[in-house]
Amino acid sequence: MAEIVIIGAGVQGASLAFHLAKAGARPVVLDRPGVINATGRSSGLVRMHYDLPENAALAWRSFRVFRDWADVVGGQCGFTRTGFLQLVPPELSGQLRANVRMQAELGIPTLVVDAEDVVRLAPEMVVDDIAIAAYEPESGYADPAGAAAALLTAARELGGSVHQTARAEAILTEGDRVVGVRTSEGDIGGDAVVLAAGAWSGQLAAGIGLKLPIRSWVHDTAYVVRPAGFAPFPAFIDFGRAMYARPEGRHLVLVGLEDDNPLRDTPDEVHRGADGFTDRAVERLTGRLPGLAEGGLHSANYGVDGITPDQQPIIGPAAPIGPEGLWLDCGFSGTGFKTAPAVGESLARMILRGPAAAPELAVFGADRLDGSRQIAPPHPYPPIWH
């Protein structure tokens, strides 16, 4: 009998498997082949700028793992330091200053810069609509698929196992407890089951009568060619233009949009990305970095993740709204990559020692799903995905 069964081999499930195995457990990871999941199509930003202190703290802990990956995990995650800019319209300047103060108090290397500083950091950038921005000099991006693969390799070496051809078909229960998972290759018993299946988490939970408010969120990205001689620039999120971008190696730029992302009830309904995405993405990107208009579109793709109404993950025990032994690690709403190392470590501690062992995850608990509690950043930005 498996001790702990993890449904989902994306970066969150992989991180949890690594940390459980490192702590002496023997996790079994299940995944289905051929899935266009969130990790495989993640944009891979590694930054700490959030309006929720708990998210910023998790991202800061995770950053140090990305930076020191070879020593902490082994293998490579592709971390590339570019620096990171959070751009906001003038009406959000107060929130940005307050959030930078909060992040600095956590120890995060960050500061407020003005428009002239932004041009020094990104000489090709248009800044006529920017008063201030937040700058993280140590941040950048990494390779999500490579990071997940390295975590799974390390988990195997520590005694875990990974089944990447076993589709989870149902969570098995007896009375008020989970007892394992039914897969396309047979049943696997377990004392605990972790639902880390991204956009597929909601329908698996529904099979045991647990309603999770997770919809399937479709997110497109495009790659634009960097013209010869185009000046280096930091990765950035641009609230005013509802977009983000970062370098991709030496010759490309990745761009994604924060609005008009299609939502579906189940991931099996997802057959393509948003209509007109590439035209809108290139228009907004070249509005901020006009020189990229000379480069042209290279390619585009899309992925699917699970999104919650408050755009915050659901992490922790399913009980009392679900069966004992079921743990939730889902609903990351497009922002789960950069916090995965810390979430995996904290959730492993919680599973092995009890919920009180990881108070930093309490804010994301399933107890809020009945509407009695809301996650409330002290200086909130508008919803990221709209």
Protein backbone atom coordinates (compact mmCIF):
# COMPACT_ATOMS: atom_id res chain seq x y z
CA MET A 1 0.00 0.00 0.00
CA ALA A 2 1.27 3.47 -0.90
CA GLU A 3 1.67 5.83 2.00
CA ILE A 4 0.68 8.98 0.12
CA VAL A 5 -0.74 9.17 -3.41
CA ILE A 6 -0.36 12.45 -5.30
CA ILE A 7 -2.66 13.02 -8.28
CA GLY A 8 -0.80 15.30 -10.67
CA ALA A 9 2.83 15.54 -11.75
CA GLY A 10 2.90 19.26 -12.47
CA VAL A 11 5.33 21.42 -10.56
CA GLN A 12 3.16 21.55 -7.42
CA GLY A 13 2.70 17.77 -7.25
CA ALA A 14 6.37 17.27 -8.11
CA SER A 15 7.51 19.66 -5.39
CA LEU A 16 5.32 17.95 -2.83
CA ALA A 17 6.63 14.53 -3.85
CA PHE A 18 10.23 15.72 -3.50
CA HIS A 19 9.69 17.18 -0.05
CA LEU A 20 7.71 14.19 1.19
CA ALA A 21 10.41 11.82 -0.01
CA LYS A 22 13.10 14.03 1.49
CA ALA A 23 11.28 13.73 4.82
CA GLY A 24 11.29 9.93 4.60
CA ALA A 25 7.84 9.25 3.14
CA ARG A 26 7.29 7.14 0.00
CA PRO A 27 4.94 9.15 -2.22
CA VAL A 28 3.42 7.75 -5.40
CA VAL A 29 2.77 10.35 -8.12
CA LEU A 30 0.13 9.75 -10.80
CA ASP A 31 -0.25 11.65 -14.04
CA ARG A 32 -2.00 11.20 -17.33
CA PRO A 33 -0.11 11.35 -20.63
CA GLY A 34 -0.66 13.95 -23.31
CA VAL A 35 -2.15 16.67 -21.11
CA ILE A 36 -1.69 20.35 -21.98
CA ASN A 37 -1.28 21.29 -18.33
CA ALA A 38 -0.36 24.47 -16.51
CA THR A 39 3.26 23.58 -15.80
CA GLY A 40 4.13 22.58 -19.35
CA ARG A 41 2.83 25.90 -20.67
CA SER A 42 3.71 28.12 -17.71
CA SER A 43 5.47 31.41 -18.40
CA GLY A 44 7.94 30.61 -15.62
CA LEU A 45 8.29 34.00 -13.94
CA VAL A 46 10.29 33.90 -10.72
CA ARG A 47 9.38 37.04 -8.75
CA MET A 48 8.09 37.98 -5.32
CA HIS A 49 5.81 40.95 -5.94
CA TYR A 50 2.35 40.16 -4.53
CA ASP A 51 -0.22 42.11 -2.58
CA LEU A 52 -0.86 39.19 -0.19
CA PRO A 53 1.97 38.81 2.36
CA GLU A 54 1.59 35.02 2.50
CA ASN A 55 2.11 34.75 -1.27
CA ALA A 56 5.10 37.07 -1.18
CA ALA A 57 6.66 35.04 1.65
CA LEU A 58 6.15 31.76 -0.22
CA ALA A 59 7.62 33.25 -3.40
CA TRP A 60 10.64 34.56 -1.44
CA ARG A 61 11.32 31.14 0.08
CA SER A 62 10.89 29.57 -3.36
CA PHE A 63 13.19 32.08 -5.04
CA ARG A 64 16.11 30.89 -2.95
CA VAL A 65 15.45 27.33 -4.12
CA PHE A 66 15.36 28.40 -7.78
CA ARG A 67 18.59 30.36 -7.30
CA ASP A 68 20.39 27.46 -5.62
CA TRP A 69 18.59 24.66 -7.45
CA ALA A 70 21.52 22.38 -8.18
CA ASP A 71 22.48 22.27 -4.49
CA VAL A 72 18.96 22.03 -3.06
CA VAL A 73 17.20 19.74 -5.56
CA GLY A 74 19.76 18.59 -8.11
CA GLY A 75 19.63 18.88 -11.86
CA GLN A 76 18.67 22.16 -13.49
CA CYS A 77 15.64 24.46 -13.41
CA GLY A 78 16.90 26.98 -15.96
CA PHE A 79 16.78 29.96 -13.62
CA THR A 80 17.88 33.09 -15.48
CA ARG A 81 18.32 36.35 -13.65
CA THR A 82 16.90 39.30 -15.59
CA GLY A 83 15.49 41.48 -12.83
CA PHE A 84 11.76 42.11 -12.58
CA LEU A 85 9.61 45.23 -12.88
CA GLN A 86 6.03 45.60 -11.64
CA LEU A 87 4.48 48.41 -13.67
CA VAL A 88 1.25 50.04 -12.47
CA PRO A 89 -0.91 52.94 -13.64
CA PRO A 90 -0.62 56.08 -11.48
CA GLU A 91 -3.85 55.33 -9.59
CA LEU A 92 -2.23 52.19 -8.11
CA SER A 93 0.92 53.96 -6.93
CA GLY A 94 -0.21 53.94 -3.30
CA GLN A 95 -0.81 50.20 -3.31
CA LEU A 96 2.54 49.58 -4.97
CA ARG A 97 4.46 51.62 -2.40
CA ALA A 98 2.69 49.84 0.46
CA ASN A 99 3.29 46.42 -1.05
CA VAL A 100 6.98 47.12 -1.62
CA ARG A 101 7.27 48.11 2.05
CA MET A 102 5.57 44.87 3.06
CA GLN A 103 7.85 42.81 0.85
CA ALA A 104 10.97 44.57 2.10
CA GLU A 105 9.94 43.77 5.68
CA LEU A 106 9.92 40.09 4.65
CA GLY A 107 13.51 40.46 3.48
CA ILE A 108 12.75 40.54 -0.24
CA PRO A 109 15.24 42.59 -2.29
CA THR A 110 12.90 45.19 -3.79
CA LEU A 111 12.59 48.94 -4.17
CA VAL A 112 10.42 51.64 -5.71
CA VAL A 113 11.86 53.24 -8.86
CA ASP A 114 10.64 56.15 -10.98
CA ALA A 115 10.10 56.36 -14.73
CA GLU A 116 13.65 57.52 -15.40
CA ASP A 117 14.99 54.52 -13.50
CA VAL A 118 12.77 52.24 -15.58
CA VAL A 119 14.32 53.60 -18.78
CA ARG A 120 17.79 52.98 -17.36
CA LEU A 121 16.78 49.37 -16.72
CA ALA A 122 14.91 48.95 -20.02
CA PRO A 123 16.15 51.51 -22.57
CA GLU A 124 13.65 50.39 -25.23
CA MET A 125 10.62 50.84 -22.94
CA VAL A 126 7.97 53.57 -23.34
CA VAL A 127 7.20 55.04 -19.88
CA ASP A 128 4.96 58.05 -20.60
CA ASP A 129 2.12 56.47 -18.57
CA ILE A 130 4.28 55.33 -15.62
CA ALA A 131 5.04 57.33 -12.47
CA ILE A 132 6.67 54.62 -10.37
CA ALA A 133 7.35 50.89 -10.52
CA ALA A 134 8.64 48.16 -8.23
CA TYR A 135 11.99 46.61 -9.08
CA GLU A 136 13.41 43.28 -7.93
CA PRO A 137 17.03 43.06 -9.10
CA GLU A 138 17.47 39.35 -8.27
CA SER A 139 14.37 37.98 -9.99
CA GLY A 140 13.92 36.48 -13.44
CA TYR A 141 12.46 33.31 -14.95
CA ALA A 142 13.01 29.56 -15.04
CA ASP A 143 12.03 26.50 -17.07
CA PRO A 144 8.81 25.07 -15.56
CA ALA A 145 8.92 21.70 -17.32
CA GLY A 146 12.59 21.29 -16.47
CA ALA A 147 11.97 22.21 -12.84
CA ALA A 148 9.12 19.70 -12.51
CA ALA A 149 11.22 16.98 -14.15
CA ALA A 150 14.14 17.65 -11.79
CA LEU A 151 11.85 17.48 -8.76
CA LEU A 152 10.37 14.17 -9.91
CA THR A 153 13.83 12.74 -10.56
CA ALA A 154 14.95 13.77 -7.09
CA ALA A 155 11.78 12.29 -5.56
CA ARG A 156 12.49 8.96 -7.28
CA GLU A 157 16.07 8.96 -6.04
CA LEU A 158 14.79 9.48 -2.50
CA GLY A 159 12.41 6.52 -2.70
CA GLY A 160 9.26 7.92 -4.31
CA SER A 161 7.69 6.57 -7.49
CA VAL A 162 6.10 8.23 -10.50
CA HIS A 163 3.51 6.72 -12.85
CA GLN A 164 3.09 9.05 -15.83
CA THR A 165 0.82 6.76 -17.81
CA ALA A 166 -1.72 6.17 -15.04
CA ARG A 167 -4.79 8.35 -15.43
CA ALA A 168 -6.56 8.95 -12.11
CA GLU A 169 -10.20 8.04 -12.69
CA ALA A 170 -11.64 8.33 -9.19
CA ILE A 171 -10.73 8.93 -5.57
CA LEU A 172 -11.64 5.88 -3.49
CA THR A 173 -13.33 6.25 -0.10
CA GLU A 174 -14.64 4.05 2.67
CA GLY A 175 -16.97 5.83 5.03
CA ASP A 176 -15.53 9.26 5.74
CA ARG A 177 -11.94 8.41 4.72
CA VAL A 178 -10.04 8.14 1.48
CA VAL A 179 -8.40 4.77 0.86
CA GLY A 180 -6.72 5.29 -2.50
CA VAL A 181 -7.16 6.11 -6.17
CA ARG A 182 -8.68 4.21 -9.07
CA THR A 183 -6.44 4.59 -12.11
CA SER A 184 -6.47 3.45 -15.72
CA GLU A 185 -3.90 0.83 -14.64
CA GLY A 186 -5.70 -0.41 -11.52
CA ASP A 187 -6.37 0.71 -7.95
CA ILE A 188 -3.63 2.14 -5.74
CA GLY A 189 -4.29 2.18 -2.02
CA GLY A 190 -3.06 4.93 0.24
CA ASP A 191 -3.40 6.40 3.71
CA ALA A 192 -3.60 9.86 2.15
CA VAL A 193 -4.44 11.26 -1.28
CA VAL A 194 -3.35 14.68 -2.50
CA LEU A 195 -5.38 16.34 -5.23
CA ALA A 196 -2.83 18.32 -7.26
CA ALA A 197 -4.41 17.81 -10.67
CA GLY A 198 -4.70 21.45 -11.73
CA ALA A 199 -7.76 22.09 -13.87
CA TRP A 200 -8.82 18.44 -13.47
CA SER A 201 -9.05 18.72 -9.67
CA GLY A 202 -12.64 19.91 -9.60
CA GLN A 203 -14.11 17.00 -11.51
CA LEU A 204 -12.14 14.43 -9.49
CA ALA A 205 -13.39 16.03 -6.27
CA ALA A 206 -16.95 16.05 -7.60
CA GLY A 207 -16.74 12.28 -7.98
CA ILE A 208 -16.78 11.95 -4.18
CA GLY A 209 -19.38 14.68 -3.68
CA LEU A 210 -16.87 17.45 -2.86
CA LYS A 211 -17.66 20.65 -4.72
CA LEU A 212 -14.58 22.77 -5.33
CA PRO A 213 -15.08 26.18 -7.01
CA ILE A 214 -12.46 25.51 -9.67
CA ARG A 215 -13.02 26.32 -13.32
CA SER A 216 -10.73 25.69 -16.28
CA TRP A 217 -8.82 28.82 -17.19
CA VAL A 218 -7.25 28.95 -20.65
CA HIS A 219 -4.13 31.05 -20.99
CA ASP A 220 -2.28 31.92 -24.19
CA THR A 221 1.32 32.99 -24.64
CA ALA A 222 3.20 34.15 -27.72
CA TYR A 223 6.86 34.44 -28.64
CA VAL A 224 8.13 37.47 -30.53
CA VAL A 225 11.54 37.65 -32.20
CA ARG A 226 14.01 40.12 -30.67
CA PRO A 227 15.60 42.20 -33.41
CA ALA A 228 19.40 42.29 -33.57
CA GLY A 229 20.78 44.85 -31.14
CA PHE A 230 17.58 45.11 -29.07
CA ALA A 231 18.61 46.25 -25.58
CA PRO A 232 18.24 43.83 -22.65
CA PHE A 233 15.27 44.39 -20.34
CA PRO A 234 13.89 42.88 -17.11
CA ALA A 235 10.91 40.59 -16.99
CA PHE A 236 7.86 42.70 -16.19
CA ILE A 237 4.16 42.68 -15.39
CA ASP A 238 2.25 45.66 -16.75
CA PHE A 239 -1.08 46.20 -14.98
CA GLY A 240 -1.97 49.21 -17.15
CA ARG A 241 -1.79 47.16 -20.33
CA ALA A 242 -3.00 43.91 -18.70
CA MET A 243 0.05 42.02 -19.93
CA TYR A 244 3.41 40.59 -18.93
CA ALA A 245 6.58 39.81 -20.84
CA ARG A 246 10.05 38.46 -20.33
CA PRO A 247 13.09 37.54 -22.38
CA GLU A 248 13.20 33.98 -23.67
CA GLY A 249 16.83 33.18 -24.18
CA ARG A 250 18.76 35.62 -26.32
CA HIS A 251 16.52 35.80 -29.36
CA LEU A 252 12.86 35.74 -28.26
CA VAL A 253 10.41 37.55 -25.97
CA LEU A 254 7.49 35.75 -24.28
CA VAL A 255 4.26 37.74 -23.83
CA GLY A 256 0.96 36.91 -22.14
CA LEU A 257 -2.24 38.85 -21.45
CA GLU A 258 -4.20 39.18 -18.24
CA ASP A 259 -7.64 39.75 -19.77
CA ASP A 260 -10.08 37.86 -22.02
CA ASN A 261 -8.77 34.46 -20.97
CA PRO A 262 -11.49 31.90 -21.75
CA LEU A 263 -13.11 30.03 -18.85
CA ARG A 264 -14.68 26.59 -19.23
CA ASP A 265 -16.51 24.35 -16.77
CA THR A 266 -14.13 21.43 -17.38
CA PRO A 267 -10.71 21.16 -19.03
CA ASP A 268 -12.06 18.60 -21.46
CA GLU A 269 -14.02 21.43 -23.10
CA VAL A 270 -10.80 23.28 -23.95
CA HIS A 271 -9.90 22.88 -27.61
CA ARG A 272 -8.11 26.13 -28.41
CA GLY A 273 -6.96 29.42 -26.91
CA ALA A 274 -8.53 32.88 -27.08
CA ASP A 275 -9.65 34.26 -30.43
CA GLY A 276 -7.48 37.11 -31.70
CA PHE A 277 -4.91 36.63 -28.96
CA THR A 278 -1.75 37.03 -31.01
CA ASP A 279 -2.85 40.31 -32.60
CA ARG A 280 -3.77 41.80 -29.22
CA ALA A 281 -0.61 40.51 -27.54
CA VAL A 282 1.72 41.88 -30.21
CA GLU A 283 -0.09 45.23 -30.22
CA ARG A 284 0.24 45.67 -26.45
CA LEU A 285 3.81 44.42 -26.31
CA THR A 286 4.99 46.73 -29.06
CA GLY A 287 3.12 49.60 -27.44
CA ARG A 288 5.41 49.16 -24.41
CA LEU A 289 8.52 48.00 -26.34
CA PRO A 290 8.09 49.54 -29.83
CA GLY A 291 11.36 48.17 -31.20
CA LEU A 292 9.97 44.64 -31.09
CA ALA A 293 7.70 45.50 -34.03
CA GLU A 294 10.73 44.87 -36.23
CA GLY A 295 11.06 41.32 -34.99
CA GLY A 296 7.75 39.67 -35.85
CA LEU A 297 5.74 36.82 -34.35
CA HIS A 298 7.62 33.57 -33.82
CA SER A 299 4.97 31.22 -32.37
CA ALA A 300 2.11 30.89 -29.88
CA ASN A 301 0.55 28.25 -27.66
CA TYR A 302 -1.90 27.82 -24.81
CA GLY A 303 -2.33 25.87 -21.58
CA VAL A 304 -5.04 25.30 -19.00
CA ASP A 305 -5.03 25.72 -15.22
CA GLY A 306 -7.62 25.62 -12.47
CA ILE A 307 -8.85 29.03 -11.30
CA THR A 308 -10.85 29.89 -8.15
CA PRO A 309 -13.24 32.82 -7.64
CA ASP A 310 -10.73 34.71 -5.47
CA GLN A 311 -7.79 33.67 -7.68
CA GLN A 312 -6.06 32.06 -4.70
CA PRO A 313 -5.12 28.40 -4.31
CA ILE A 314 -6.82 25.83 -2.11
CA ILE A 315 -4.19 24.15 0.06
CA GLY A 316 -4.57 21.89 3.07
CA PRO A 317 -6.89 19.17 4.39
CA ALA A 318 -10.25 18.69 2.69
CA ALA A 319 -11.88 17.84 6.04
CA PRO A 320 -14.34 18.79 7.35
CA ILE A 321 -15.97 19.61 4.00
CA GLY A 322 -14.40 16.50 2.45
CA PRO A 323 -13.20 13.09 3.61
CA GLU A 324 -10.38 12.54 6.06
CA GLY A 325 -7.07 11.78 4.40
CA LEU A 326 -7.76 13.93 1.34
CA TRP A 327 -5.44 16.91 0.88
CA LEU A 328 -5.92 19.76 -1.58
CA ASP A 329 -3.12 21.36 -3.58
CA CYS A 330 -4.97 22.99 -6.45
CA GLY A 331 -6.67 26.12 -7.81
CA PHE A 332 -3.44 28.07 -8.26
CA SER A 333 -5.07 30.32 -10.84
CA GLY A 334 -2.05 30.75 -13.08
CA THR A 335 0.47 31.74 -10.43
CA GLY A 336 1.57 28.43 -8.91
CA PHE A 337 5.00 27.95 -10.48
CA LYS A 338 6.92 30.60 -8.56
CA THR A 339 5.66 29.40 -5.15
CA ALA A 340 5.91 25.64 -5.80
CA PRO A 341 9.15 24.91 -3.88
CA ALA A 342 7.88 26.53 -0.68
CA VAL A 343 4.32 25.22 -0.97
CA GLY A 344 5.64 21.69 -1.43
CA GLU A 345 7.84 21.93 1.65
CA SER A 346 5.09 23.44 3.80
CA LEU A 347 2.37 21.04 2.65
CA ALA A 348 4.65 18.03 3.18
CA ARG A 349 5.21 19.23 6.75
CA MET A 350 1.46 19.69 7.20
CA ILE A 351 0.62 16.20 5.88
CA LEU A 352 3.24 14.47 8.02
CA ARG A 353 2.81 16.48 11.23
CA GLY A 354 -0.66 18.01 11.06
CA PRO A 355 -2.15 21.35 9.94
CA ALA A 356 -0.65 23.27 12.85
CA ALA A 357 2.84 22.49 11.53
CA ALA A 358 2.40 24.87 8.56
CA PRO A 359 0.51 27.97 9.72
CA GLU A 360 1.80 29.87 6.69
CA LEU A 361 -0.69 27.93 4.55
CA ALA A 362 -3.73 28.48 6.76
CA VAL A 363 -4.97 31.47 4.74
CA PHE A 364 -5.45 29.17 1.72
CA GLY A 365 -7.49 26.56 3.59
CA ALA A 366 -10.69 24.99 2.28
CA ASP A 367 -12.62 26.42 5.26
CA ARG A 368 -13.07 29.65 3.27
CA LEU A 369 -15.06 27.89 0.57
CA ASP A 370 -18.33 28.27 2.47
CA GLY A 371 -18.03 32.05 2.15
CA SER A 372 -17.52 32.68 5.86
CA ARG A 373 -13.97 33.91 5.36
CA GLN A 374 -12.27 35.86 2.60
CA ILE A 375 -8.63 36.32 1.69
CA ALA A 376 -8.06 40.05 2.05
CA PRO A 377 -4.69 41.60 1.06
CA PRO A 378 -4.04 44.77 3.11
CA HIS A 379 -3.33 46.83 -0.04
CA PRO A 380 -5.04 44.92 -2.84
CA TYR A 381 -4.52 45.28 -6.56
CA PRO A 382 -7.44 44.55 -8.90
CA PRO A 383 -7.84 40.89 -9.90
CA ILE A 384 -4.89 39.69 -11.97
CA TRP A 385 -6.90 37.72 -14.53
CA HIS A 386 -9.94 39.56 -15.81
